Amino acid sequence: MSQQITTSEFDEKVLQASRPVLVDFYADWCGPCKAMGPVVDEVAEELSGEIDVYKLNVDENPEIAQRYRVMSIPTLIVFEGGEVKNQTLGAQPKPALLELLGK
């Protein structure tokens, strides 16, 4: 299951993580974001122990969204070693999300 993350936790939980991290940038009012929720949770469960998965609400945490130039949501970004490794924009099917993660 994915977990909520805030600006204050971002650097520690994402940039300093010892394994890859998937961050789902979303908003509560976004229809495609709601459609992605179950897919992201499914991938989080399937890859539990291999990657960490977080959801970041762009309305509540605009600083992080601006830092990574998130202009449209949902945006999914894979971080590894504190760097952006991969990213995608818009609702994605599960196979595309697994591919994004290199699985």
N, C-alpha and C. Protein backbone atom coordinates (compact mmCIF):
# COMPACT_ATOMS: atom_id res chain seq x y z
N MET A 1 0.84 -1.19 0.00
CA MET A 1 0.00 0.00 0.00
C MET A 1 0.88 1.25 0.00
N SER A 2 0.53 2.21 -0.81
CA SER A 2 1.29 3.45 -0.85
C SER A 2 0.96 4.29 0.39
N GLN A 3 1.88 5.16 0.76
CA GLN A 3 1.70 6.02 1.93
C GLN A 3 1.73 7.48 1.51
N GLN A 4 1.02 8.31 2.26
CA GLN A 4 1.07 9.75 2.03
C GLN A 4 2.42 10.28 2.48
N ILE A 5 2.90 11.30 1.79
CA ILE A 5 4.16 11.94 2.18
C ILE A 5 3.97 13.45 2.06
N THR A 6 4.68 14.20 2.89
CA THR A 6 4.58 15.66 2.87
C THR A 6 5.95 16.26 2.57
N THR A 7 5.96 17.56 2.36
CA THR A 7 7.20 18.28 2.06
C THR A 7 8.25 18.04 3.12
N SER A 8 7.85 18.07 4.40
CA SER A 8 8.82 17.93 5.49
C SER A 8 9.47 16.55 5.53
N GLU A 9 8.82 15.54 4.99
CA GLU A 9 9.36 14.17 4.99
C GLU A 9 10.08 13.81 3.69
N PHE A 10 9.88 14.61 2.67
CA PHE A 10 10.30 14.23 1.31
C PHE A 10 11.79 13.90 1.20
N ASP A 11 12.65 14.82 1.65
CA ASP A 11 14.09 14.60 1.50
C ASP A 11 14.54 13.31 2.19
N GLU A 12 14.07 13.11 3.42
CA GLU A 12 14.49 11.93 4.18
C GLU A 12 13.96 10.63 3.56
N LYS A 13 12.66 10.59 3.26
CA LYS A 13 12.03 9.34 2.80
C LYS A 13 12.26 9.04 1.33
N VAL A 14 12.47 10.06 0.51
CA VAL A 14 12.63 9.84 -0.93
C VAL A 14 14.08 10.00 -1.37
N LEU A 15 14.66 11.15 -1.10
CA LEU A 15 16.01 11.43 -1.61
C LEU A 15 17.10 10.65 -0.87
N GLN A 16 16.86 10.31 0.39
CA GLN A 16 17.87 9.58 1.17
C GLN A 16 17.54 8.10 1.29
N ALA A 17 16.56 7.64 0.55
CA ALA A 17 16.15 6.23 0.62
C ALA A 17 17.24 5.32 0.07
N SER A 18 17.35 4.14 0.66
CA SER A 18 18.38 3.19 0.23
C SER A 18 17.92 2.34 -0.96
N ARG A 19 16.63 2.41 -1.28
CA ARG A 19 16.13 1.66 -2.44
C ARG A 19 15.31 2.61 -3.32
N PRO A 20 14.94 2.15 -4.53
CA PRO A 20 14.15 3.01 -5.42
C PRO A 20 12.83 3.44 -4.78
N VAL A 21 12.38 4.62 -5.14
CA VAL A 21 11.14 5.17 -4.61
C VAL A 21 10.28 5.66 -5.77
N LEU A 22 9.00 5.30 -5.74
CA LEU A 22 8.03 5.81 -6.71
C LEU A 22 7.16 6.83 -5.98
N VAL A 23 7.07 8.04 -6.54
CA VAL A 23 6.21 9.07 -5.96
C VAL A 23 5.11 9.40 -6.95
N ASP A 24 3.87 9.28 -6.47
CA ASP A 24 2.68 9.60 -7.25
C ASP A 24 2.24 11.01 -6.86
N PHE A 25 2.46 11.98 -7.76
CA PHE A 25 2.03 13.36 -7.55
C PHE A 25 0.57 13.45 -7.99
N TYR A 26 -0.33 13.81 -7.08
CA TYR A 26 -1.76 13.77 -7.36
C TYR A 26 -2.50 14.91 -6.65
N ALA A 27 -3.80 15.00 -6.91
CA ALA A 27 -4.69 15.89 -6.16
C ALA A 27 -6.03 15.18 -5.98
N ASP A 28 -6.72 15.50 -4.90
CA ASP A 28 -7.99 14.83 -4.59
C ASP A 28 -9.06 15.07 -5.66
N TRP A 29 -9.02 16.21 -6.34
CA TRP A 29 -10.06 16.56 -7.32
C TRP A 29 -9.78 15.98 -8.71
N CYS A 30 -8.64 15.33 -8.89
CA CYS A 30 -8.19 14.86 -10.21
C CYS A 30 -8.74 13.47 -10.52
N GLY A 31 -9.60 13.37 -11.53
CA GLY A 31 -10.18 12.09 -11.93
C GLY A 31 -9.17 11.03 -12.34
N PRO A 32 -8.24 11.35 -13.27
CA PRO A 32 -7.22 10.37 -13.65
C PRO A 32 -6.35 9.94 -12.46
N CYS A 33 -6.15 10.86 -11.50
CA CYS A 33 -5.37 10.51 -10.30
C CYS A 33 -6.10 9.44 -9.49
N LYS A 34 -7.42 9.61 -9.36
CA LYS A 34 -8.23 8.63 -8.63
C LYS A 34 -8.18 7.28 -9.32
N ALA A 35 -8.17 7.29 -10.64
CA ALA A 35 -8.10 6.04 -11.41
C ALA A 35 -6.75 5.35 -11.20
N MET A 36 -5.69 6.14 -11.01
CA MET A 36 -4.36 5.58 -10.82
C MET A 36 -4.16 5.01 -9.41
N GLY A 37 -4.90 5.51 -8.44
CA GLY A 37 -4.73 5.11 -7.05
C GLY A 37 -4.65 3.60 -6.84
N PRO A 38 -5.65 2.83 -7.30
CA PRO A 38 -5.60 1.38 -7.10
C PRO A 38 -4.44 0.71 -7.83
N VAL A 39 -4.05 1.23 -8.99
CA VAL A 39 -2.93 0.67 -9.75
C VAL A 39 -1.63 0.89 -8.98
N VAL A 40 -1.44 2.10 -8.45
CA VAL A 40 -0.25 2.42 -7.68
C VAL A 40 -0.19 1.55 -6.42
N ASP A 41 -1.34 1.39 -5.74
CA ASP A 41 -1.38 0.56 -4.54
C ASP A 41 -1.05 -0.90 -4.85
N GLU A 42 -1.54 -1.38 -5.98
CA GLU A 42 -1.28 -2.76 -6.40
C GLU A 42 0.22 -2.98 -6.64
N VAL A 43 0.84 -2.04 -7.34
CA VAL A 43 2.28 -2.12 -7.61
C VAL A 43 3.06 -2.03 -6.29
N ALA A 44 2.61 -1.16 -5.38
CA ALA A 44 3.28 -1.01 -4.08
C ALA A 44 3.26 -2.34 -3.32
N GLU A 45 2.13 -3.02 -3.34
CA GLU A 45 2.02 -4.31 -2.65
C GLU A 45 2.87 -5.37 -3.32
N GLU A 46 2.80 -5.40 -4.65
CA GLU A 46 3.54 -6.41 -5.41
C GLU A 46 5.05 -6.28 -5.23
N LEU A 47 5.53 -5.04 -5.14
CA LEU A 47 6.98 -4.80 -5.06
C LEU A 47 7.41 -4.39 -3.65
N SER A 48 6.57 -4.68 -2.67
CA SER A 48 6.89 -4.38 -1.28
C SER A 48 8.22 -5.02 -0.90
N GLY A 49 9.09 -4.25 -0.27
CA GLY A 49 10.41 -4.77 0.08
C GLY A 49 11.47 -4.46 -0.97
N GLU A 50 11.02 -4.16 -2.21
CA GLU A 50 11.96 -3.81 -3.28
C GLU A 50 12.01 -2.30 -3.51
N ILE A 51 10.82 -1.68 -3.43
CA ILE A 51 10.72 -0.23 -3.64
C ILE A 51 9.80 0.36 -2.58
N ASP A 52 9.92 1.67 -2.36
CA ASP A 52 8.98 2.39 -1.50
C ASP A 52 8.07 3.18 -2.42
N VAL A 53 6.80 3.29 -2.05
CA VAL A 53 5.83 4.01 -2.87
C VAL A 53 5.12 5.04 -2.00
N TYR A 54 5.13 6.29 -2.47
CA TYR A 54 4.48 7.38 -1.73
C TYR A 54 3.56 8.16 -2.66
N LYS A 55 2.54 8.78 -2.05
CA LYS A 55 1.64 9.68 -2.77
C LYS A 55 1.86 11.08 -2.19
N LEU A 56 2.00 12.07 -3.08
CA LEU A 56 2.21 13.43 -2.64
C LEU A 56 1.11 14.31 -3.22
N ASN A 57 0.32 14.92 -2.35
CA ASN A 57 -0.77 15.80 -2.76
C ASN A 57 -0.17 17.15 -3.17
N VAL A 58 -0.29 17.49 -4.46
CA VAL A 58 0.35 18.71 -4.97
C VAL A 58 -0.31 19.98 -4.44
N ASP A 59 -1.59 19.90 -4.06
CA ASP A 59 -2.26 21.07 -3.49
C ASP A 59 -1.74 21.38 -2.09
N GLU A 60 -1.41 20.33 -1.34
CA GLU A 60 -0.93 20.51 0.03
C GLU A 60 0.58 20.66 0.11
N ASN A 61 1.29 20.26 -0.94
CA ASN A 61 2.76 20.30 -0.95
C ASN A 61 3.29 20.89 -2.25
N PRO A 62 2.92 22.15 -2.55
CA PRO A 62 3.30 22.73 -3.85
C PRO A 62 4.81 22.90 -4.04
N GLU A 63 5.56 23.01 -2.94
CA GLU A 63 7.02 23.23 -3.07
C GLU A 63 7.68 22.07 -3.79
N ILE A 64 7.30 20.85 -3.42
CA ILE A 64 7.92 19.67 -4.03
C ILE A 64 7.48 19.55 -5.49
N ALA A 65 6.22 19.81 -5.76
CA ALA A 65 5.71 19.76 -7.14
C ALA A 65 6.47 20.77 -8.00
N GLN A 66 6.71 21.96 -7.48
CA GLN A 66 7.46 22.97 -8.23
C GLN A 66 8.91 22.56 -8.41
N ARG A 67 9.51 21.98 -7.39
CA ARG A 67 10.92 21.56 -7.46
C ARG A 67 11.15 20.59 -8.62
N TYR A 68 10.16 19.71 -8.85
CA TYR A 68 10.29 18.71 -9.92
C TYR A 68 9.47 19.06 -11.16
N ARG A 69 9.07 20.32 -11.25
CA ARG A 69 8.36 20.85 -12.42
C ARG A 69 7.14 20.01 -12.80
N VAL A 70 6.37 19.61 -11.80
CA VAL A 70 5.14 18.85 -12.05
C VAL A 70 4.07 19.86 -12.47
N MET A 71 3.73 19.84 -13.77
CA MET A 71 2.76 20.78 -14.32
C MET A 71 1.39 20.13 -14.50
N SER A 72 1.37 18.84 -14.70
CA SER A 72 0.12 18.10 -14.90
C SER A 72 0.13 16.88 -13.99
N ILE A 73 -1.07 16.46 -13.61
CA ILE A 73 -1.16 15.29 -12.74
C ILE A 73 -2.15 14.30 -13.35
N PRO A 74 -2.01 13.02 -13.06
CA PRO A 74 -0.97 12.46 -12.22
C PRO A 74 0.39 12.43 -12.93
N THR A 75 1.43 12.71 -12.15
CA THR A 75 2.81 12.52 -12.60
C THR A 75 3.42 11.50 -11.65
N LEU A 76 4.08 10.51 -12.20
CA LEU A 76 4.75 9.49 -11.39
C LEU A 76 6.24 9.58 -11.66
N ILE A 77 7.01 9.74 -10.59
CA ILE A 77 8.46 9.89 -10.72
C ILE A 77 9.15 8.79 -9.90
N VAL A 78 10.13 8.15 -10.53
CA VAL A 78 10.95 7.14 -9.86
C VAL A 78 12.26 7.82 -9.46
N PHE A 79 12.58 7.74 -8.17
CA PHE A 79 13.83 8.28 -7.64
C PHE A 79 14.74 7.13 -7.25
N GLU A 80 16.02 7.29 -7.53
CA GLU A 80 17.00 6.30 -7.10
C GLU A 80 18.27 7.04 -6.73
N GLY A 81 18.77 6.80 -5.53
CA GLY A 81 19.96 7.50 -5.08
C GLY A 81 19.79 9.00 -5.02
N GLY A 82 18.58 9.46 -4.74
CA GLY A 82 18.31 10.89 -4.62
C GLY A 82 18.10 11.61 -5.94
N GLU A 83 18.16 10.86 -7.05
CA GLU A 83 18.01 11.47 -8.38
C GLU A 83 16.77 10.93 -9.08
N VAL A 84 16.23 11.74 -9.99
CA VAL A 84 15.12 11.29 -10.81
C VAL A 84 15.66 10.28 -11.81
N LYS A 85 15.12 9.08 -11.77
CA LYS A 85 15.58 8.02 -12.68
C LYS A 85 14.64 7.90 -13.88
N ASN A 86 13.35 8.11 -13.63
CA ASN A 86 12.35 7.92 -14.68
C ASN A 86 11.08 8.65 -14.28
N GLN A 87 10.25 9.01 -15.26
CA GLN A 87 8.97 9.60 -14.91
C GLN A 87 7.99 9.46 -16.06
N THR A 88 6.71 9.57 -15.69
CA THR A 88 5.65 9.48 -16.68
C THR A 88 4.52 10.40 -16.27
N LEU A 89 3.72 10.76 -17.24
CA LEU A 89 2.64 11.71 -17.03
C LEU A 89 1.32 11.07 -17.43
N GLY A 90 0.29 11.29 -16.64
CA GLY A 90 -1.04 10.77 -16.98
C GLY A 90 -1.27 9.38 -16.41
N ALA A 91 -2.53 8.97 -16.45
CA ALA A 91 -2.91 7.65 -15.96
C ALA A 91 -2.24 6.57 -16.82
N GLN A 92 -1.69 5.57 -16.16
CA GLN A 92 -0.96 4.50 -16.85
C GLN A 92 -1.51 3.14 -16.44
N PRO A 93 -1.52 2.17 -17.36
CA PRO A 93 -1.89 0.82 -16.97
C PRO A 93 -0.75 0.19 -16.15
N LYS A 94 -1.07 -0.82 -15.39
CA LYS A 94 -0.08 -1.47 -14.52
C LYS A 94 1.18 -1.90 -15.26
N PRO A 95 1.09 -2.54 -16.45
CA PRO A 95 2.33 -2.94 -17.14
C PRO A 95 3.25 -1.75 -17.44
N ALA A 96 2.68 -0.60 -17.77
CA ALA A 96 3.50 0.58 -18.06
C ALA A 96 4.18 1.08 -16.78
N LEU A 97 3.49 0.98 -15.67
CA LEU A 97 4.07 1.39 -14.39
C LEU A 97 5.20 0.45 -13.98
N LEU A 98 5.02 -0.82 -14.19
CA LEU A 98 6.08 -1.80 -13.90
C LEU A 98 7.29 -1.56 -14.79
N GLU A 99 7.05 -1.22 -16.05
CA GLU A 99 8.14 -0.92 -16.98
C GLU A 99 8.90 0.32 -16.54
N LEU A 100 8.16 1.34 -16.07
CA LEU A 100 8.75 2.57 -15.57
C LEU A 100 9.73 2.26 -14.43
N LEU A 101 9.38 1.24 -13.64
CA LEU A 101 10.20 0.83 -12.50
C LEU A 101 11.29 -0.18 -12.89
N GLY A 102 11.33 -0.53 -14.16
CA GLY A 102 12.32 -1.49 -14.63
C GLY A 102 12.01 -2.91 -14.22
N LYS A 103 10.72 -3.22 -14.03
CA LYS A 103 10.31 -4.57 -13.60
C LYS A 103 9.64 -5.33 -14.74
